[in-house]
Amino acid sequence: MIRQAYEKDAQEVAYLIHLAIKDIAEALTGETDLVSIRKELAYLFLQKNNRLSYQNSIVAEVNGEIAGTLIAYSGDDASLLDQAIMERLKRKRQNHVVLDKEADRGDYYIDTVAVHPQYRGKGIGTELIHHAEHAAGQYGFSKVSLNVAHDNVRAKQLYQRLGYEEEKIKQINGHPYDYMIKYVQHKEGIKNEHND
């Protein structure tokens, strides 16, 4: 079952986010040890109006357990969604903070896809992506995008099988990522209503 994430999912989703984004989690949280990173990811998940918020997250449940998660939002909202994270980082570090621009304007951007290790290979990631693509069309987007680490051949092959094509290379947290896009059927005139 795929459903909207709830606040009560914070600990499990924080674990999955950390599995998926690895060192980017350090940049987003300002933390370096495992416990502090996951605690901060859970905190951000519980807050509204940031990229890692439960508002932007869906989860896949199998037998009542969270087997996977996906975070997605409008590329038009990316800068706004990063403001709260940047303000929190500034309070921690007391210096200038810059987060890499991951999403392009006009795209419905899949920020994070993560499947729990014990549920991998069962099609859960694919189902989460299909769900996000359907949502994108319902929200009026014609293009879905995501970033995949340049050296993550297995994930890139999956996205290619799902119809994603490499558009360009982006630098995120000092590493090259392939920015991949897929065009989807959409409904006219309701773009961005999902954030209200």
C-alpha atoms as a PDB file:
ATOM      1  CA  MET A   1       0.000   0.000   0.000  1.00  0.00           C
ATOM      2  CA  ILE A   2       1.274   3.465  -0.884  1.00  0.00           C
ATOM      3  CA  ARG A   3       0.014   6.376   1.203  1.00  0.00           C
ATOM      4  CA  GLN A   4       0.814   9.923   2.219  1.00  0.00           C
ATOM      5  CA  ALA A   5       3.431   9.998   4.981  1.00  0.00           C
ATOM      6  CA  TYR A   6       2.320  10.868   8.501  1.00  0.00           C
ATOM      7  CA  GLU A   7       4.237  12.584  11.259  1.00  0.00           C
ATOM      8  CA  LYS A   8       4.360   9.280  13.162  1.00  0.00           C
ATOM      9  CA  ASP A   9       6.574   7.876  10.369  1.00  0.00           C
ATOM     10  CA  ALA A  10       9.452  10.223  11.233  1.00  0.00           C
ATOM     11  CA  GLN A  11      11.981   7.725  12.642  1.00  0.00           C
ATOM     12  CA  GLU A  12      11.551   5.094   9.932  1.00  0.00           C
ATOM     13  CA  VAL A  13      11.564   7.642   7.114  1.00  0.00           C
ATOM     14  CA  ALA A  14      14.636   9.437   8.544  1.00  0.00           C
ATOM     15  CA  TYR A  15      16.478   6.095   8.447  1.00  0.00           C
ATOM     16  CA  LEU A  16      15.459   5.552   4.816  1.00  0.00           C
ATOM     17  CA  ILE A  17      16.320   9.108   3.757  1.00  0.00           C
ATOM     18  CA  HIS A  18      19.793   8.705   5.254  1.00  0.00           C
ATOM     19  CA  LEU A  19      20.296   5.415   3.381  1.00  0.00           C
ATOM     20  CA  ALA A  20      19.411   7.142   0.120  1.00  0.00           C
ATOM     21  CA  ILE A  21      21.188  10.483   0.320  1.00  0.00           C
ATOM     22  CA  LYS A  22      24.269   9.516   2.346  1.00  0.00           C
ATOM     23  CA  ASP A  23      26.713  12.465   2.519  1.00  0.00           C
ATOM     24  CA  ILE A  24      24.073  14.932   1.341  1.00  0.00           C
ATOM     25  CA  ALA A  25      22.436  14.267   4.724  1.00  0.00           C
ATOM     26  CA  GLU A  26      25.466  15.847   6.403  1.00  0.00           C
ATOM     27  CA  ALA A  27      25.103  18.966   4.251  1.00  0.00           C
ATOM     28  CA  LEU A  28      21.360  19.244   4.982  1.00  0.00           C
ATOM     29  CA  THR A  29      21.630  18.603   8.718  1.00  0.00           C
ATOM     30  CA  GLY A  30      24.985  20.124   9.635  1.00  0.00           C
ATOM     31  CA  GLU A  31      25.750  16.913  11.537  1.00  0.00           C
ATOM     32  CA  THR A  32      28.403  14.246  11.004  1.00  0.00           C
ATOM     33  CA  ASP A  33      27.619  11.332  13.343  1.00  0.00           C
ATOM     34  CA  LEU A  34      24.948   8.777  12.494  1.00  0.00           C
ATOM     35  CA  VAL A  35      22.652   9.358  15.488  1.00  0.00           C
ATOM     36  CA  SER A  36      22.682  13.157  15.125  1.00  0.00           C
ATOM     37  CA  ILE A  37      22.107  13.008  11.362  1.00  0.00           C
ATOM     38  CA  ARG A  38      19.067  10.759  11.730  1.00  0.00           C
ATOM     39  CA  LYS A  39      17.711  12.798  14.635  1.00  0.00           C
ATOM     40  CA  GLU A  40      17.959  15.967  12.540  1.00  0.00           C
ATOM     41  CA  LEU A  41      16.411  14.264   9.481  1.00  0.00           C
ATOM     42  CA  ALA A  42      13.479  13.193  11.666  1.00  0.00           C
ATOM     43  CA  TYR A  43      13.165  16.757  12.964  1.00  0.00           C
ATOM     44  CA  LEU A  44      13.079  18.160   9.416  1.00  0.00           C
ATOM     45  CA  PHE A  45      10.555  15.510   8.375  1.00  0.00           C
ATOM     46  CA  LEU A  46       8.235  16.701  11.158  1.00  0.00           C
ATOM     47  CA  GLN A  47       8.445  20.351  10.088  1.00  0.00           C
ATOM     48  CA  LYS A  48       6.246  21.868   7.408  1.00  0.00           C
ATOM     49  CA  ASN A  49       7.473  23.622   4.282  1.00  0.00           C
ATOM     50  CA  ASN A  50      10.924  22.141   3.780  1.00  0.00           C
ATOM     51  CA  ARG A  51      12.099  19.653   1.173  1.00  0.00           C
ATOM     52  CA  LEU A  52      12.224  16.706   3.617  1.00  0.00           C
ATOM     53  CA  SER A  53       8.832  17.384   5.218  1.00  0.00           C
ATOM     54  CA  TYR A  54       6.206  14.695   5.609  1.00  0.00           C
ATOM     55  CA  GLN A  55       4.082  17.008   3.427  1.00  0.00           C
ATOM     56  CA  ASN A  56       6.237  16.046   0.419  1.00  0.00           C
ATOM     57  CA  SER A  57       6.586  12.366   1.308  1.00  0.00           C
ATOM     58  CA  ILE A  58       4.791   9.165   0.492  1.00  0.00           C
ATOM     59  CA  VAL A  59       5.520   5.749   1.975  1.00  0.00           C
ATOM     60  CA  ALA A  60       5.041   2.157   0.889  1.00  0.00           C
ATOM     61  CA  GLU A  61       3.734  -0.155   3.589  1.00  0.00           C
ATOM     62  CA  VAL A  62       4.096  -3.926   3.611  1.00  0.00           C
ATOM     63  CA  ASN A  63       2.357  -5.813   6.422  1.00  0.00           C
ATOM     64  CA  GLY A  64       2.134  -2.611   8.451  1.00  0.00           C
ATOM     65  CA  GLU A  65       5.852  -1.794   8.118  1.00  0.00           C
ATOM     66  CA  ILE A  66       7.332   1.075   6.139  1.00  0.00           C
ATOM     67  CA  ALA A  67       9.164  -0.577   3.263  1.00  0.00           C
ATOM     68  CA  GLY A  68      10.050   2.535   1.298  1.00  0.00           C
ATOM     69  CA  THR A  69       9.602   6.251   0.890  1.00  0.00           C
ATOM     70  CA  LEU A  70       9.658   8.871  -1.843  1.00  0.00           C
ATOM     71  CA  ILE A  71       9.970  12.649  -1.474  1.00  0.00           C
ATOM     72  CA  ALA A  72       8.809  14.878  -4.351  1.00  0.00           C
ATOM     73  CA  TYR A  73       7.830  18.493  -4.914  1.00  0.00           C
ATOM     74  CA  SER A  74       7.630  21.225  -7.529  1.00  0.00           C
ATOM     75  CA  GLY A  75      10.978  22.461  -8.790  1.00  0.00           C
ATOM     76  CA  ASP A  76       9.409  25.930  -8.635  1.00  0.00           C
ATOM     77  CA  ASP A  77       9.211  25.545  -4.841  1.00  0.00           C
ATOM     78  CA  ALA A  78      12.729  24.179  -4.302  1.00  0.00           C
ATOM     79  CA  SER A  79      14.331  27.453  -3.163  1.00  0.00           C
ATOM     80  CA  LEU A  80      11.458  28.198  -0.797  1.00  0.00           C
ATOM     81  CA  LEU A  81      11.581  24.662   0.625  1.00  0.00           C
ATOM     82  CA  ASP A  82      15.308  25.054   1.315  1.00  0.00           C
ATOM     83  CA  GLN A  83      14.940  28.347   3.205  1.00  0.00           C
ATOM     84  CA  ALA A  84      13.985  26.742   6.536  1.00  0.00           C
ATOM     85  CA  ILE A  85      16.847  24.253   6.231  1.00  0.00           C
ATOM     86  CA  MET A  86      19.312  27.026   5.417  1.00  0.00           C
ATOM     87  CA  GLU A  87      18.139  29.131   8.360  1.00  0.00           C
ATOM     88  CA  ARG A  88      18.568  26.168  10.700  1.00  0.00           C
ATOM     89  CA  LEU A  89      22.069  25.501   9.352  1.00  0.00           C
ATOM     90  CA  LYS A  90      23.018  29.164   9.766  1.00  0.00           C
ATOM     91  CA  ARG A  91      21.972  29.032  13.427  1.00  0.00           C
ATOM     92  CA  LYS A  92      24.161  25.955  13.924  1.00  0.00           C
ATOM     93  CA  ARG A  93      27.242  27.086  12.015  1.00  0.00           C
ATOM     94  CA  GLN A  94      26.874  30.864  12.222  1.00  0.00           C
ATOM     95  CA  ASN A  95      28.258  31.358   8.734  1.00  0.00           C
ATOM     96  CA  HIS A  96      27.140  31.484   5.103  1.00  0.00           C
ATOM     97  CA  VAL A  97      25.276  28.363   3.967  1.00  0.00           C
ATOM     98  CA  VAL A  98      24.613  27.355   0.357  1.00  0.00           C
ATOM     99  CA  LEU A  99      22.606  24.316  -0.716  1.00  0.00           C
ATOM    100  CA  ASP A 100      23.039  23.023  -4.244  1.00  0.00           C
ATOM    101  CA  LYS A 101      20.139  23.621  -6.621  1.00  0.00           C
ATOM    102  CA  GLU A 102      18.885  20.124  -7.380  1.00  0.00           C
ATOM    103  CA  ALA A 103      15.562  20.756  -9.141  1.00  0.00           C
ATOM    104  CA  ASP A 104      14.737  22.776 -12.250  1.00  0.00           C
ATOM    105  CA  ARG A 105      11.751  25.105 -12.420  1.00  0.00           C
ATOM    106  CA  GLY A 106       8.728  23.594 -14.104  1.00  0.00           C
ATOM    107  CA  ASP A 107       9.609  20.027 -13.094  1.00  0.00           C
ATOM    108  CA  TYR A 108       7.929  17.771 -10.578  1.00  0.00           C
ATOM    109  CA  TYR A 109      11.108  16.736  -8.825  1.00  0.00           C
ATOM    110  CA  ILE A 110      11.691  13.368  -7.152  1.00  0.00           C
ATOM    111  CA  ASP A 111      14.157  14.325  -4.444  1.00  0.00           C
ATOM    112  CA  THR A 112      14.598  10.980  -2.712  1.00  0.00           C
ATOM    113  CA  VAL A 113      13.607   7.362  -3.321  1.00  0.00           C
ATOM    114  CA  ALA A 114      14.554   4.827  -0.665  1.00  0.00           C
ATOM    115  CA  VAL A 115      13.587   1.209  -0.078  1.00  0.00           C
ATOM    116  CA  HIS A 116      14.369  -0.622   3.151  1.00  0.00           C
ATOM    117  CA  PRO A 117      17.119  -3.227   2.528  1.00  0.00           C
ATOM    118  CA  GLN A 118      14.879  -6.159   3.456  1.00  0.00           C
ATOM    119  CA  TYR A 119      12.308  -5.113   0.822  1.00  0.00           C
ATOM    120  CA  ARG A 120      14.623  -4.393  -2.091  1.00  0.00           C
ATOM    121  CA  GLY A 121      14.123  -6.241  -5.360  1.00  0.00           C
ATOM    122  CA  LYS A 122      10.341  -6.462  -4.887  1.00  0.00           C
ATOM    123  CA  GLY A 123       9.337  -3.543  -7.135  1.00  0.00           C
ATOM    124  CA  ILE A 124       8.584  -1.129  -4.290  1.00  0.00           C
ATOM    125  CA  GLY A 125      10.815   1.646  -5.656  1.00  0.00           C
ATOM    126  CA  THR A 126       9.162   1.307  -9.052  1.00  0.00           C
ATOM    127  CA  GLU A 127       5.695   1.545  -7.499  1.00  0.00           C
ATOM    128  CA  LEU A 128       6.669   4.646  -5.539  1.00  0.00           C
ATOM    129  CA  ILE A 129       7.981   6.268  -8.722  1.00  0.00           C
ATOM    130  CA  HIS A 130       4.819   5.384 -10.663  1.00  0.00           C
ATOM    131  CA  HIS A 131       2.758   6.898  -7.855  1.00  0.00           C
ATOM    132  CA  ALA A 132       4.819  10.124  -8.022  1.00  0.00           C
ATOM    133  CA  GLU A 133       4.468  10.270 -11.818  1.00  0.00           C
ATOM    134  CA  HIS A 134       0.696   9.915 -11.521  1.00  0.00           C
ATOM    135  CA  ALA A 135       0.626  12.660  -8.867  1.00  0.00           C
ATOM    136  CA  ALA A 136       2.722  14.903 -11.113  1.00  0.00           C
ATOM    137  CA  GLY A 137       0.164  14.528 -13.901  1.00  0.00           C
ATOM    138  CA  GLN A 138      -2.696  15.244 -11.503  1.00  0.00           C
ATOM    139  CA  TYR A 139      -0.923  18.400 -10.307  1.00  0.00           C
ATOM    140  CA  GLY A 140      -0.530  19.607 -13.901  1.00  0.00           C
ATOM    141  CA  PHE A 141       3.139  18.846 -14.490  1.00  0.00           C
ATOM    142  CA  SER A 142       4.299  17.476 -17.826  1.00  0.00           C
ATOM    143  CA  LYS A 143       7.834  16.602 -16.707  1.00  0.00           C
ATOM    144  CA  VAL A 144       9.184  14.562 -13.791  1.00  0.00           C
ATOM    145  CA  SER A 145      12.862  14.780 -12.914  1.00  0.00           C
ATOM    146  CA  LEU A 146      15.356  13.208 -10.545  1.00  0.00           C
ATOM    147  CA  ASN A 147      19.084  13.067  -9.887  1.00  0.00           C
ATOM    148  CA  VAL A 148      21.067   9.849  -9.748  1.00  0.00           C
ATOM    149  CA  ALA A 149      24.691   9.615  -8.688  1.00  0.00           C
ATOM    150  CA  HIS A 150      26.858   9.442 -11.804  1.00  0.00           C
ATOM    151  CA  ASP A 151      28.455   6.177 -10.630  1.00  0.00           C
ATOM    152  CA  ASN A 152      25.209   4.500  -9.513  1.00  0.00           C
ATOM    153  CA  VAL A 153      24.827   2.358 -12.625  1.00  0.00           C
ATOM    154  CA  ARG A 154      22.147   0.066 -11.178  1.00  0.00           C
ATOM    155  CA  ALA A 155      19.816   2.922 -10.225  1.00  0.00           C
ATOM    156  CA  LYS A 156      20.400   4.686 -13.537  1.00  0.00           C
ATOM    157  CA  GLN A 157      19.466   1.506 -15.423  1.00  0.00           C
ATOM    158  CA  LEU A 158      16.245   1.253 -13.412  1.00  0.00           C
ATOM    159  CA  TYR A 159      15.312   4.851 -14.219  1.00  0.00           C
ATOM    160  CA  GLN A 160      16.107   4.291 -17.899  1.00  0.00           C
ATOM    161  CA  ARG A 161      13.825   1.219 -17.916  1.00  0.00           C
ATOM    162  CA  LEU A 162      11.098   3.439 -16.435  1.00  0.00           C
ATOM    163  CA  GLY A 163      11.501   5.923 -19.301  1.00  0.00           C
ATOM    164  CA  TYR A 164      13.854   8.523 -17.810  1.00  0.00           C
ATOM    165  CA  GLU A 165      16.502  10.082 -20.021  1.00  0.00           C
ATOM    166  CA  GLU A 166      19.644  11.924 -19.012  1.00  0.00           C
ATOM    167  CA  GLU A 167      19.318  15.637 -19.676  1.00  0.00           C
ATOM    168  CA  LYS A 168      22.491  17.021 -18.074  1.00  0.00           C
ATOM    169  CA  ILE A 169      24.972  16.596 -15.252  1.00  0.00           C
ATOM    170  CA  LYS A 170      24.607  18.514 -11.976  1.00  0.00           C
ATOM    171  CA  GLN A 171      27.118  18.889  -9.179  1.00  0.00           C
ATOM    172  CA  ILE A 172      25.546  18.114  -5.809  1.00  0.00           C
ATOM    173  CA  ASN A 173      27.621  18.181  -2.649  1.00  0.00           C
ATOM    174  CA  GLY A 174      30.772  18.024  -4.767  1.00  0.00           C
ATOM    175  CA  HIS A 175      29.733  14.929  -6.747  1.00  0.00           C
ATOM    176  CA  PRO A 176      28.409  14.551 -10.325  1.00  0.00           C
ATOM    177  CA  TYR A 177      24.771  13.509 -10.679  1.00  0.00           C
ATOM    178  CA  ASP A 178      22.844  12.708 -13.835  1.00  0.00           C
ATOM    179  CA  TYR A 179      19.722  14.867 -14.045  1.00  0.00           C
ATOM    180  CA  MET A 180      17.129  12.613 -15.657  1.00  0.00           C
ATOM    181  CA  ILE A 181      13.680  13.533 -16.944  1.00  0.00           C
ATOM    182  CA  LYS A 182      10.501  11.827 -18.073  1.00  0.00           C
ATOM    183  CA  TYR A 183       7.479  13.411 -19.723  1.00  0.00           C
ATOM    184  CA  VAL A 184       4.081  12.444 -18.293  1.00  0.00           C
ATOM    185  CA  GLN A 185       0.440  13.033 -19.154  1.00  0.00           C
ATOM    186  CA  HIS A 186      -0.963  15.954 -17.193  1.00  0.00           C
ATOM    187  CA  LYS A 187      -4.141  17.826 -16.424  1.00  0.00           C
ATOM    188  CA  GLU A 188      -4.225  21.518 -17.282  1.00  0.00           C
ATOM    189  CA  GLY A 189      -4.593  24.389 -14.871  1.00  0.00           C
ATOM    190  CA  ILE A 190      -3.986  22.899 -11.433  1.00  0.00           C
ATOM    191  CA  LYS A 191      -0.201  23.093 -11.123  1.00  0.00           C
ATOM    192  CA  ASN A 192       1.166  23.762  -7.612  1.00  0.00           C
ATOM    193  CA  GLU A 193      -2.155  23.267  -5.816  1.00  0.00           C
ATOM    194  CA  HIS A 194      -0.557  20.312  -3.984  1.00  0.00           C
ATOM    195  CA  ASN A 195       1.366  22.699  -1.711  1.00  0.00           C
ATOM    196  CA  ASP A 196      -1.711  24.546  -0.434  1.00  0.00           C
END
